[in-house]
N, C-alpha and C. Protein backbone atom coordinates (compact mmCIF):
# COMPACT_ATOMS: atom_id res chain seq x y z
N MET A 1 1.89 -2.31 7.30
CA MET A 1 1.21 -3.03 6.24
C MET A 1 0.30 -4.10 6.84
N THR A 2 -0.87 -4.24 6.27
CA THR A 2 -1.81 -5.26 6.70
C THR A 2 -1.84 -6.37 5.66
N LYS A 3 -1.66 -7.58 6.12
CA LYS A 3 -1.71 -8.72 5.21
C LYS A 3 -3.13 -9.25 5.19
N LEU A 4 -3.65 -9.47 3.99
CA LEU A 4 -4.98 -10.03 3.82
C LEU A 4 -4.89 -11.49 3.46
N VAL A 5 -5.66 -12.30 4.14
CA VAL A 5 -5.76 -13.72 3.82
C VAL A 5 -7.21 -13.99 3.47
N PHE A 6 -7.41 -14.57 2.28
CA PHE A 6 -8.76 -14.85 1.81
C PHE A 6 -9.10 -16.32 2.00
N GLU A 7 -10.35 -16.57 2.31
CA GLU A 7 -10.89 -17.93 2.34
C GLU A 7 -11.90 -18.00 1.20
N LEU A 8 -11.42 -18.45 0.07
CA LEU A 8 -12.25 -18.48 -1.13
C LEU A 8 -13.09 -19.74 -1.19
N PRO A 9 -14.30 -19.61 -1.70
CA PRO A 9 -15.14 -20.79 -1.85
C PRO A 9 -14.55 -21.72 -2.91
N ASP A 10 -14.84 -23.01 -2.76
CA ASP A 10 -14.40 -23.96 -3.78
C ASP A 10 -15.64 -24.60 -4.41
N LYS A 11 -15.42 -25.62 -5.20
CA LYS A 11 -16.53 -26.24 -5.93
C LYS A 11 -17.53 -26.94 -5.02
N THR A 12 -17.16 -27.17 -3.77
CA THR A 12 -18.07 -27.85 -2.85
C THR A 12 -18.78 -26.88 -1.90
N THR A 13 -18.49 -25.59 -2.01
CA THR A 13 -19.10 -24.59 -1.13
C THR A 13 -20.51 -24.26 -1.63
N PRO A 14 -21.51 -24.40 -0.75
CA PRO A 14 -22.88 -24.07 -1.15
C PRO A 14 -23.03 -22.59 -1.52
N GLY A 15 -24.04 -22.28 -2.32
CA GLY A 15 -24.34 -20.90 -2.68
C GLY A 15 -23.63 -20.41 -3.93
N PHE A 16 -23.22 -21.33 -4.78
CA PHE A 16 -22.45 -20.98 -5.97
C PHE A 16 -23.13 -19.91 -6.82
N PHE A 17 -24.40 -20.13 -7.18
CA PHE A 17 -25.06 -19.17 -8.06
C PHE A 17 -25.28 -17.81 -7.39
N ARG A 18 -25.52 -17.79 -6.09
CA ARG A 18 -25.66 -16.52 -5.38
C ARG A 18 -24.36 -15.72 -5.46
N ARG A 19 -23.24 -16.40 -5.17
CA ARG A 19 -21.93 -15.72 -5.23
C ARG A 19 -21.62 -15.29 -6.64
N MET A 20 -21.86 -16.17 -7.59
CA MET A 20 -21.55 -15.87 -8.98
C MET A 20 -22.35 -14.67 -9.47
N ARG A 21 -23.62 -14.66 -9.17
CA ARG A 21 -24.49 -13.56 -9.59
C ARG A 21 -24.01 -12.24 -9.02
N LYS A 22 -23.74 -12.24 -7.74
CA LYS A 22 -23.30 -11.00 -7.08
C LYS A 22 -21.95 -10.54 -7.60
N ALA A 23 -21.02 -11.46 -7.74
CA ALA A 23 -19.68 -11.11 -8.23
C ALA A 23 -19.75 -10.56 -9.66
N LEU A 24 -20.59 -11.17 -10.49
CA LEU A 24 -20.73 -10.69 -11.87
C LEU A 24 -21.39 -9.32 -11.91
N GLN A 25 -22.36 -9.09 -11.04
CA GLN A 25 -22.98 -7.76 -10.96
C GLN A 25 -21.93 -6.71 -10.61
N PHE A 26 -21.10 -7.03 -9.63
CA PHE A 26 -20.08 -6.08 -9.21
C PHE A 26 -19.04 -5.87 -10.30
N ARG A 27 -18.69 -6.93 -10.98
CA ARG A 27 -17.72 -6.80 -12.08
C ARG A 27 -18.26 -5.82 -13.12
N ASP A 28 -19.54 -5.96 -13.45
CA ASP A 28 -20.16 -5.07 -14.42
C ASP A 28 -20.25 -3.64 -13.89
N LEU A 29 -20.59 -3.49 -12.61
CA LEU A 29 -20.66 -2.16 -12.01
C LEU A 29 -19.31 -1.44 -12.07
N MET A 30 -18.24 -2.19 -12.00
CA MET A 30 -16.91 -1.58 -11.94
C MET A 30 -16.50 -0.97 -13.28
N SER A 31 -17.26 -1.22 -14.36
CA SER A 31 -16.94 -0.57 -15.63
C SER A 31 -17.24 0.93 -15.56
N GLU A 32 -18.21 1.31 -14.72
CA GLU A 32 -18.52 2.71 -14.45
C GLU A 32 -18.81 2.83 -12.96
N PRO A 33 -17.77 2.77 -12.14
CA PRO A 33 -17.97 2.73 -10.69
C PRO A 33 -18.49 4.04 -10.11
N THR A 34 -19.22 3.91 -9.03
CA THR A 34 -19.65 5.05 -8.23
C THR A 34 -19.10 4.81 -6.82
N PRO A 35 -19.05 5.84 -5.99
CA PRO A 35 -18.61 5.60 -4.61
C PRO A 35 -19.44 4.53 -3.91
N GLU A 36 -20.73 4.52 -4.19
CA GLU A 36 -21.61 3.54 -3.54
C GLU A 36 -21.32 2.12 -4.03
N SER A 37 -21.10 1.96 -5.35
CA SER A 37 -20.84 0.62 -5.87
C SER A 37 -19.50 0.09 -5.36
N ILE A 38 -18.52 0.97 -5.22
CA ILE A 38 -17.23 0.55 -4.66
C ILE A 38 -17.42 0.08 -3.22
N ASP A 39 -18.19 0.81 -2.44
CA ASP A 39 -18.45 0.39 -1.06
C ASP A 39 -19.14 -0.97 -1.03
N GLN A 40 -20.07 -1.21 -1.96
CA GLN A 40 -20.77 -2.50 -2.02
C GLN A 40 -19.83 -3.64 -2.37
N VAL A 41 -18.91 -3.39 -3.29
CA VAL A 41 -17.92 -4.42 -3.66
C VAL A 41 -17.04 -4.74 -2.46
N ILE A 42 -16.58 -3.72 -1.76
CA ILE A 42 -15.72 -3.93 -0.59
C ILE A 42 -16.47 -4.72 0.47
N ASP A 43 -17.73 -4.37 0.72
CA ASP A 43 -18.53 -5.10 1.71
C ASP A 43 -18.67 -6.58 1.32
N PHE A 44 -18.92 -6.83 0.04
CA PHE A 44 -19.06 -8.20 -0.46
C PHE A 44 -17.75 -8.97 -0.30
N LEU A 45 -16.65 -8.39 -0.73
CA LEU A 45 -15.36 -9.08 -0.68
C LEU A 45 -14.87 -9.28 0.75
N ALA A 46 -15.25 -8.39 1.65
CA ALA A 46 -14.82 -8.51 3.04
C ALA A 46 -15.32 -9.81 3.67
N ASP A 47 -16.42 -10.35 3.15
CA ASP A 47 -16.94 -11.62 3.68
C ASP A 47 -15.99 -12.79 3.42
N PHE A 48 -15.07 -12.62 2.48
CA PHE A 48 -14.13 -13.69 2.15
C PHE A 48 -12.75 -13.48 2.77
N VAL A 49 -12.62 -12.45 3.59
CA VAL A 49 -11.35 -12.16 4.25
C VAL A 49 -11.29 -12.95 5.56
N LYS A 50 -10.25 -13.75 5.68
CA LYS A 50 -10.03 -14.53 6.90
C LYS A 50 -9.17 -13.75 7.89
N GLU A 51 -8.17 -13.05 7.37
CA GLU A 51 -7.30 -12.18 8.17
C GLU A 51 -7.14 -10.86 7.44
N PRO A 52 -7.22 -9.77 8.12
CA PRO A 52 -7.52 -9.62 9.55
C PRO A 52 -8.99 -9.97 9.84
N ALA A 53 -9.20 -10.49 11.01
CA ALA A 53 -10.53 -10.95 11.40
C ALA A 53 -11.49 -9.79 11.64
N GLU A 54 -10.97 -8.65 12.07
CA GLU A 54 -11.80 -7.47 12.32
C GLU A 54 -12.27 -6.91 10.99
N LYS A 55 -13.59 -6.82 10.83
CA LYS A 55 -14.21 -6.46 9.55
C LYS A 55 -13.72 -5.12 9.00
N GLN A 56 -13.63 -4.09 9.83
CA GLN A 56 -13.21 -2.78 9.33
C GLN A 56 -11.76 -2.81 8.86
N ALA A 57 -10.90 -3.54 9.56
CA ALA A 57 -9.50 -3.67 9.13
C ALA A 57 -9.42 -4.38 7.78
N ALA A 58 -10.27 -5.39 7.59
CA ALA A 58 -10.30 -6.10 6.31
C ALA A 58 -10.75 -5.16 5.19
N LYS A 59 -11.78 -4.37 5.45
CA LYS A 59 -12.26 -3.42 4.44
C LYS A 59 -11.20 -2.38 4.11
N ASP A 60 -10.53 -1.86 5.14
CA ASP A 60 -9.48 -0.87 4.91
C ASP A 60 -8.38 -1.43 4.03
N ALA A 61 -8.00 -2.67 4.27
CA ALA A 61 -6.96 -3.30 3.46
C ALA A 61 -7.43 -3.54 2.04
N LEU A 62 -8.70 -3.89 1.86
CA LEU A 62 -9.24 -4.09 0.51
C LEU A 62 -9.23 -2.79 -0.29
N TYR A 63 -9.48 -1.68 0.37
CA TYR A 63 -9.43 -0.39 -0.32
C TYR A 63 -8.03 -0.10 -0.86
N ASP A 64 -7.01 -0.70 -0.27
CA ASP A 64 -5.63 -0.49 -0.71
C ASP A 64 -5.17 -1.52 -1.74
N ALA A 65 -6.02 -2.46 -2.10
CA ALA A 65 -5.64 -3.50 -3.06
C ALA A 65 -5.53 -2.91 -4.46
N THR A 66 -4.83 -3.64 -5.33
CA THR A 66 -4.69 -3.21 -6.72
C THR A 66 -5.91 -3.62 -7.53
N GLN A 67 -6.05 -3.04 -8.70
CA GLN A 67 -7.13 -3.41 -9.60
C GLN A 67 -7.02 -4.89 -9.96
N GLU A 68 -5.82 -5.35 -10.24
CA GLU A 68 -5.61 -6.76 -10.58
C GLU A 68 -6.08 -7.68 -9.45
N GLN A 69 -5.76 -7.30 -8.22
CA GLN A 69 -6.13 -8.13 -7.08
C GLN A 69 -7.65 -8.18 -6.90
N ILE A 70 -8.31 -7.03 -7.02
CA ILE A 70 -9.77 -7.00 -6.85
C ILE A 70 -10.45 -7.79 -7.96
N GLU A 71 -10.01 -7.58 -9.20
CA GLU A 71 -10.62 -8.30 -10.32
C GLU A 71 -10.41 -9.80 -10.20
N SER A 72 -9.22 -10.20 -9.77
CA SER A 72 -8.91 -11.61 -9.59
C SER A 72 -9.77 -12.22 -8.48
N LEU A 73 -9.95 -11.46 -7.41
CA LEU A 73 -10.77 -11.95 -6.31
C LEU A 73 -12.22 -12.09 -6.74
N LEU A 74 -12.76 -11.10 -7.45
CA LEU A 74 -14.14 -11.20 -7.94
C LEU A 74 -14.31 -12.40 -8.86
N LEU A 75 -13.35 -12.62 -9.73
CA LEU A 75 -13.41 -13.75 -10.65
C LEU A 75 -13.36 -15.07 -9.89
N SER A 76 -12.50 -15.15 -8.90
CA SER A 76 -12.39 -16.38 -8.09
C SER A 76 -13.67 -16.65 -7.32
N VAL A 77 -14.26 -15.61 -6.75
CA VAL A 77 -15.50 -15.76 -5.99
C VAL A 77 -16.64 -16.19 -6.91
N ALA A 78 -16.62 -15.69 -8.15
CA ALA A 78 -17.66 -16.04 -9.11
C ALA A 78 -17.49 -17.44 -9.67
N GLY A 79 -16.36 -18.08 -9.38
CA GLY A 79 -16.14 -19.44 -9.83
C GLY A 79 -15.40 -19.54 -11.14
N GLY A 80 -14.90 -18.42 -11.66
CA GLY A 80 -14.20 -18.45 -12.93
C GLY A 80 -12.71 -18.30 -12.82
N GLY A 81 -12.22 -18.21 -11.59
CA GLY A 81 -10.79 -18.00 -11.39
C GLY A 81 -10.09 -19.26 -10.96
N SER A 82 -8.84 -19.09 -10.66
CA SER A 82 -8.02 -20.23 -10.29
C SER A 82 -7.98 -20.45 -8.79
N ASN A 83 -8.75 -19.64 -8.03
CA ASN A 83 -8.70 -19.65 -6.57
C ASN A 83 -7.35 -19.20 -6.06
N THR A 84 -6.59 -18.54 -6.92
CA THR A 84 -5.34 -17.94 -6.50
C THR A 84 -5.45 -16.44 -6.77
N VAL A 85 -5.36 -15.68 -5.71
CA VAL A 85 -5.44 -14.23 -5.82
C VAL A 85 -4.06 -13.67 -5.53
N PRO A 86 -3.59 -12.71 -6.33
CA PRO A 86 -2.29 -12.11 -6.03
C PRO A 86 -2.26 -11.60 -4.59
N PRO A 87 -1.12 -11.66 -3.93
CA PRO A 87 -1.04 -11.21 -2.54
C PRO A 87 -1.52 -9.78 -2.42
N VAL A 88 -2.22 -9.50 -1.33
CA VAL A 88 -2.72 -8.17 -1.08
C VAL A 88 -2.09 -7.66 0.20
N ASN A 89 -1.43 -6.55 0.12
CA ASN A 89 -0.89 -5.89 1.29
C ASN A 89 -1.41 -4.46 1.27
N GLY A 90 -2.05 -4.07 2.34
CA GLY A 90 -2.59 -2.72 2.42
C GLY A 90 -1.95 -1.96 3.55
N GLY A 91 -1.99 -0.67 3.47
CA GLY A 91 -1.46 0.16 4.55
C GLY A 91 -2.43 0.23 5.69
N SER A 92 -1.87 0.25 6.89
CA SER A 92 -2.74 0.35 8.05
C SER A 92 -1.95 0.81 9.24
């Protein structure tokens, strides 16, 4: 199992509207996902993964996350969440 640790932006992190816009776009895309849109969401969320540090390992673990975890992470990145994401453990 791979443990994912996220470094989520807070209210003092620059780029709020950029993150919010992108996260909201992805949230909307997920109502009718395509393989390409899923890959884009994973690439976006991987930027917030602190552990594992290796990008491909982080992406692999994100693919194993639950719907609740992904939605919570997108909401947190967009600034509408509690900055608490359910624990994510992926197979690796």
